[in-house]
Amino acid sequence: MSMAEVKASIADMTLEQRLEVAALIAHLNRSADSEFEGELERRMTAMDQGHKIASEQLEKAHDILQREGK
């Protein structure tokens, strides 16, 4: 399949399908990025060690940002 055919196929997709393709491309890009993989591993280790945020804290931060228009 040529790049032109890929582009035409994507152009014919629904919004939901295009978002799924975009998510796949982002995933493929991140999975090929060793720096991102290292950062992800660091974050997972920190979470395993108890460095987490409770859903209530997250909701509060979200509300504050939303009120600030961010």
Protein backbone atom coordinates (compact mmCIF):
# COMPACT_ATOMS: atom_id res chain seq x y z
CA MET A 1 0.00 0.00 0.00
CA SER A 2 1.43 3.38 -0.96
CA MET A 3 1.54 6.42 1.29
CA ALA A 4 -1.08 8.07 -0.93
CA GLU A 5 -3.37 5.07 -0.42
CA VAL A 6 -2.81 5.17 3.34
CA LYS A 7 -3.63 8.90 3.44
CA ALA A 8 -6.74 8.40 1.32
CA SER A 9 -7.87 5.54 3.54
CA ILE A 10 -7.41 7.66 6.66
CA ALA A 11 -9.29 10.56 5.07
CA ASP A 12 -12.27 8.25 4.50
CA MET A 13 -12.38 7.13 8.15
CA THR A 14 -14.77 8.31 10.81
CA LEU A 15 -13.46 10.57 13.57
CA GLU A 16 -13.42 7.62 15.96
CA GLN A 17 -11.38 5.53 13.54
CA ARG A 18 -8.90 8.37 12.93
CA LEU A 19 -8.45 8.81 16.69
CA GLU A 20 -7.74 5.09 16.99
CA VAL A 21 -5.13 5.32 14.21
CA ALA A 22 -3.59 8.37 15.90
CA ALA A 23 -3.38 6.47 19.19
CA LEU A 24 -1.72 3.54 17.44
CA ILE A 25 0.85 5.83 15.80
CA ALA A 26 1.58 7.54 19.13
CA HIS A 27 2.01 4.13 20.78
CA LEU A 28 4.35 2.92 18.05
CA ASN A 29 6.41 6.11 18.32
CA ARG A 30 6.68 5.83 22.11
CA SER A 31 7.49 2.14 22.07
CA ALA A 32 10.44 2.84 19.77
CA ASP A 33 11.74 5.58 22.10
CA SER A 34 14.19 4.13 24.63
CA GLU A 35 14.21 7.38 26.63
CA PHE A 36 10.43 7.19 27.04
CA GLU A 37 10.67 3.53 28.04
CA GLY A 38 13.23 4.46 30.71
CA GLU A 39 11.00 7.22 32.05
CA LEU A 40 8.02 4.87 32.12
CA GLU A 41 10.04 2.29 34.05
CA ARG A 42 11.16 4.98 36.53
CA ARG A 43 7.57 6.07 37.09
CA MET A 44 6.33 2.50 37.53
CA THR A 45 9.07 1.83 40.10
CA ALA A 46 8.11 5.00 42.00
CA MET A 47 4.47 3.89 42.03
CA ASP A 48 5.47 0.43 43.25
CA GLN A 49 7.29 2.17 46.11
CA GLY A 50 4.10 3.96 47.12
CA HIS A 51 4.53 7.29 45.31
CA LYS A 52 0.97 7.55 44.06
CA ILE A 53 -1.82 10.09 44.01
CA ALA A 54 -5.28 9.29 45.34
CA SER A 55 -8.22 9.79 43.01
CA GLU A 56 -9.56 12.47 45.36
CA GLN A 57 -6.31 14.45 45.00
CA LEU A 58 -6.45 14.10 41.25
CA GLU A 59 -10.06 15.27 41.12
CA LYS A 60 -9.21 18.28 43.29
CA ALA A 61 -6.28 19.22 41.03
CA HIS A 62 -8.53 18.80 37.99
CA ASP A 63 -11.20 21.06 39.49
CA ILE A 64 -8.62 23.74 40.29
CA LEU A 65 -7.18 23.64 36.78
CA GLN A 66 -10.65 23.70 35.25
CA ARG A 67 -11.59 26.78 37.29
CA GLU A 68 -8.41 28.45 36.08
CA GLY A 69 -9.35 27.62 32.50
CA LYS A 70 -6.44 25.27 31.94
